[in-house]
């Protein structure tokens, strides 16, 4: 696939993805993505994103929890 931002070639990889679902933020590991070799832009297939939603909507194992700061730079 060709990157729409820089025109570089993408390569299939497993990545971490921050994913919002029902007002909660998750960090999901080992997600299939196409990653641009030039600029690093990541592309996810809709079926992959749907599978993440289904997985998170069911009972699932939690590897780790972490605190995340939310910062408003306009303040």
N, C-alpha and C. Protein backbone atom coordinates (compact mmCIF):
# COMPACT_ATOMS: atom_id res chain seq x y z
N UNK A 1 0.85 -1.17 0.00
CA UNK A 1 0.00 0.00 0.00
C UNK A 1 0.90 1.24 0.00
N UNK A 2 0.40 2.32 -0.54
CA UNK A 2 1.15 3.57 -0.61
C UNK A 2 0.60 4.55 0.43
N UNK A 3 1.49 5.19 1.18
CA UNK A 3 1.10 6.16 2.20
C UNK A 3 0.49 7.40 1.54
N UNK A 4 -0.65 7.82 2.03
CA UNK A 4 -1.31 9.00 1.47
C UNK A 4 -0.66 10.31 1.92
N UNK A 5 0.23 10.26 2.91
CA UNK A 5 0.88 11.47 3.39
C UNK A 5 2.21 11.75 2.70
N UNK A 6 3.05 10.70 2.58
CA UNK A 6 4.38 10.94 2.01
C UNK A 6 4.66 10.14 0.74
N UNK A 7 3.75 9.23 0.36
CA UNK A 7 3.95 8.42 -0.83
C UNK A 7 4.85 7.22 -0.62
N UNK A 8 5.27 6.97 0.62
CA UNK A 8 6.13 5.83 0.93
C UNK A 8 5.38 4.52 0.90
N UNK A 9 6.14 3.43 0.89
CA UNK A 9 5.56 2.08 0.93
C UNK A 9 5.24 1.71 2.37
N UNK A 10 4.15 0.96 2.56
CA UNK A 10 3.83 0.46 3.90
C UNK A 10 4.23 -1.00 4.01
N UNK A 11 4.36 -1.44 5.25
CA UNK A 11 4.70 -2.82 5.54
C UNK A 11 3.82 -3.30 6.69
N UNK A 12 3.38 -4.55 6.60
CA UNK A 12 2.55 -5.12 7.68
C UNK A 12 3.40 -5.28 8.94
N UNK A 13 2.84 -4.83 10.06
CA UNK A 13 3.52 -4.94 11.35
C UNK A 13 2.50 -5.11 12.46
N UNK A 14 2.98 -5.52 13.62
CA UNK A 14 2.17 -5.56 14.84
C UNK A 14 2.57 -4.32 15.65
N UNK A 15 1.58 -3.54 16.11
CA UNK A 15 1.84 -2.29 16.81
C UNK A 15 0.98 -2.18 18.06
N UNK A 16 1.31 -1.20 18.90
CA UNK A 16 0.44 -0.80 20.01
C UNK A 16 -0.49 0.27 19.49
N UNK A 17 -1.72 0.26 19.98
CA UNK A 17 -2.69 1.26 19.55
C UNK A 17 -3.45 1.78 20.76
N UNK A 18 -3.57 3.10 20.87
CA UNK A 18 -4.48 3.67 21.86
C UNK A 18 -5.86 3.63 21.23
N UNK A 19 -6.84 3.17 21.99
CA UNK A 19 -8.17 2.90 21.44
C UNK A 19 -9.22 3.34 22.44
N UNK A 20 -10.11 4.22 22.01
CA UNK A 20 -11.21 4.66 22.86
C UNK A 20 -12.44 3.83 22.57
N UNK A 21 -13.12 3.40 23.63
CA UNK A 21 -14.38 2.68 23.49
C UNK A 21 -15.26 3.02 24.69
N UNK A 22 -16.43 3.53 24.42
CA UNK A 22 -17.42 3.88 25.44
C UNK A 22 -16.81 4.76 26.54
N UNK A 23 -16.05 5.77 26.12
CA UNK A 23 -15.49 6.74 27.05
C UNK A 23 -14.28 6.27 27.83
N UNK A 24 -13.76 5.10 27.51
CA UNK A 24 -12.58 4.56 28.20
C UNK A 24 -11.43 4.43 27.21
N UNK A 25 -10.23 4.72 27.69
CA UNK A 25 -9.02 4.61 26.88
C UNK A 25 -8.32 3.30 27.18
N UNK A 26 -7.99 2.57 26.13
CA UNK A 26 -7.26 1.32 26.24
C UNK A 26 -5.96 1.42 25.43
N UNK A 27 -4.92 0.74 25.86
CA UNK A 27 -3.72 0.53 25.06
C UNK A 27 -3.77 -0.94 24.66
N UNK A 28 -3.85 -1.20 23.36
CA UNK A 28 -4.00 -2.56 22.85
C UNK A 28 -2.70 -2.93 22.14
N UNK A 29 -2.13 -4.07 22.52
CA UNK A 29 -0.87 -4.52 21.94
C UNK A 29 -1.10 -5.55 20.85
N UNK A 30 -0.12 -5.70 19.98
CA UNK A 30 -0.11 -6.72 18.93
C UNK A 30 -1.26 -6.55 17.93
N UNK A 31 -1.49 -5.30 17.53
CA UNK A 31 -2.55 -4.98 16.57
C UNK A 31 -1.95 -4.97 15.16
N UNK A 32 -2.62 -5.65 14.23
CA UNK A 32 -2.18 -5.65 12.83
C UNK A 32 -2.36 -4.27 12.23
N UNK A 33 -1.32 -3.77 11.57
CA UNK A 33 -1.37 -2.46 10.93
C UNK A 33 -0.47 -2.46 9.71
N UNK A 34 -0.71 -1.52 8.82
CA UNK A 34 0.21 -1.21 7.73
C UNK A 34 0.94 0.05 8.17
N UNK A 35 2.27 0.01 8.23
CA UNK A 35 3.06 1.13 8.72
C UNK A 35 3.94 1.66 7.59
N UNK A 36 3.88 2.98 7.35
CA UNK A 36 4.68 3.59 6.30
C UNK A 36 6.16 3.54 6.69
N UNK A 37 6.98 3.09 5.76
CA UNK A 37 8.42 3.01 6.00
C UNK A 37 9.08 4.38 5.93
N UNK A 38 8.40 5.35 5.33
CA UNK A 38 8.95 6.70 5.21
C UNK A 38 8.64 7.59 6.40
N UNK A 39 7.37 7.72 6.75
CA UNK A 39 6.98 8.68 7.77
C UNK A 39 6.41 8.04 9.04
N UNK A 40 6.14 6.73 9.01
CA UNK A 40 5.63 6.05 10.19
C UNK A 40 4.12 6.07 10.36
N UNK A 41 3.40 6.70 9.42
CA UNK A 41 1.93 6.72 9.50
C UNK A 41 1.41 5.28 9.55
N UNK A 42 0.38 5.05 10.39
CA UNK A 42 -0.17 3.72 10.56
C UNK A 42 -1.59 3.66 10.01
N UNK A 43 -1.89 2.56 9.35
CA UNK A 43 -3.21 2.33 8.76
C UNK A 43 -3.77 1.03 9.35
N UNK A 44 -5.06 1.07 9.72
CA UNK A 44 -5.72 -0.08 10.32
C UNK A 44 -6.93 -0.44 9.46
N UNK A 45 -7.10 -1.72 9.19
CA UNK A 45 -8.28 -2.19 8.45
C UNK A 45 -9.50 -2.09 9.37
N UNK A 46 -10.64 -1.79 8.81
CA UNK A 46 -11.88 -1.66 9.58
C UNK A 46 -12.19 -2.96 10.33
N UNK A 47 -11.90 -4.10 9.72
CA UNK A 47 -12.16 -5.38 10.39
C UNK A 47 -11.30 -5.53 11.64
N UNK A 48 -10.09 -5.00 11.62
CA UNK A 48 -9.21 -5.04 12.79
C UNK A 48 -9.79 -4.18 13.91
N UNK A 49 -10.24 -2.98 13.56
CA UNK A 49 -10.82 -2.09 14.57
C UNK A 49 -12.11 -2.65 15.15
N UNK A 50 -12.92 -3.28 14.30
CA UNK A 50 -14.15 -3.93 14.79
C UNK A 50 -13.82 -5.08 15.74
N UNK A 51 -12.77 -5.84 15.43
CA UNK A 51 -12.36 -6.95 16.29
C UNK A 51 -11.88 -6.45 17.65
N UNK A 52 -11.18 -5.31 17.66
CA UNK A 52 -10.76 -4.72 18.94
C UNK A 52 -11.98 -4.33 19.76
N UNK A 53 -12.95 -3.66 19.14
CA UNK A 53 -14.18 -3.28 19.85
C UNK A 53 -14.88 -4.50 20.44
N UNK A 54 -14.99 -5.57 19.67
CA UNK A 54 -15.65 -6.79 20.17
C UNK A 54 -14.88 -7.37 21.35
N UNK A 55 -13.56 -7.43 21.22
CA UNK A 55 -12.74 -8.00 22.29
C UNK A 55 -12.87 -7.19 23.59
N UNK A 56 -12.82 -5.87 23.47
CA UNK A 56 -12.90 -5.02 24.65
C UNK A 56 -14.29 -4.99 25.26
N UNK A 57 -15.31 -5.29 24.47
CA UNK A 57 -16.69 -5.29 24.96
C UNK A 57 -17.01 -6.53 25.78
N UNK A 58 -16.17 -7.56 25.63
CA UNK A 58 -16.37 -8.79 26.39
C UNK A 58 -15.43 -8.79 27.60
N UNK A 59 -15.62 -9.74 28.48
CA UNK A 59 -14.68 -9.94 29.58
C UNK A 59 -13.31 -10.24 28.97
N UNK A 60 -12.28 -9.54 29.43
CA UNK A 60 -10.94 -9.74 28.86
C UNK A 60 -9.88 -9.60 29.95
N UNK A 61 -8.76 -10.26 29.71
CA UNK A 61 -7.64 -10.19 30.63
C UNK A 61 -6.97 -8.82 30.51
N UNK A 62 -6.60 -8.25 31.65
CA UNK A 62 -5.89 -6.97 31.68
C UNK A 62 -4.44 -7.25 32.04
N UNK A 63 -3.54 -6.91 31.15
CA UNK A 63 -2.11 -7.15 31.36
C UNK A 63 -1.53 -6.19 32.39
N UNK A 64 -2.00 -4.93 32.34
CA UNK A 64 -1.42 -3.89 33.18
C UNK A 64 -2.39 -2.72 33.22
N UNK A 65 -2.37 -1.95 34.29
CA UNK A 65 -3.12 -0.70 34.34
C UNK A 65 -2.13 0.43 34.57
N UNK A 66 -2.50 1.63 34.12
CA UNK A 66 -1.62 2.79 34.28
C UNK A 66 -2.45 4.05 34.45
N UNK A 67 -1.87 5.05 35.09
CA UNK A 67 -2.51 6.35 35.21
C UNK A 67 -2.10 7.19 34.01
N UNK A 68 -3.01 7.97 33.49
CA UNK A 68 -2.73 8.83 32.34
C UNK A 68 -3.13 10.25 32.69
N UNK A 69 -2.23 11.19 32.47
CA UNK A 69 -2.53 12.60 32.69
C UNK A 69 -3.26 13.17 31.47
N UNK A 70 -4.26 14.00 31.73
CA UNK A 70 -4.96 14.73 30.68
C UNK A 70 -4.61 16.20 30.87
N UNK A 71 -4.02 16.82 29.86
CA UNK A 71 -3.52 18.18 29.96
C UNK A 71 -4.19 19.06 28.90
N UNK A 72 -4.66 20.24 29.32
CA UNK A 72 -5.25 21.20 28.40
C UNK A 72 -4.24 22.32 28.19
N UNK A 73 -3.66 22.39 26.99
CA UNK A 73 -2.62 23.40 26.74
C UNK A 73 -3.20 24.78 26.50
N UNK A 74 -4.53 24.88 26.37
CA UNK A 74 -5.16 26.18 26.17
C UNK A 74 -5.37 26.91 27.50
N UNK A 75 -5.22 26.21 28.60
CA UNK A 75 -5.48 26.80 29.91
C UNK A 75 -4.33 27.65 30.38
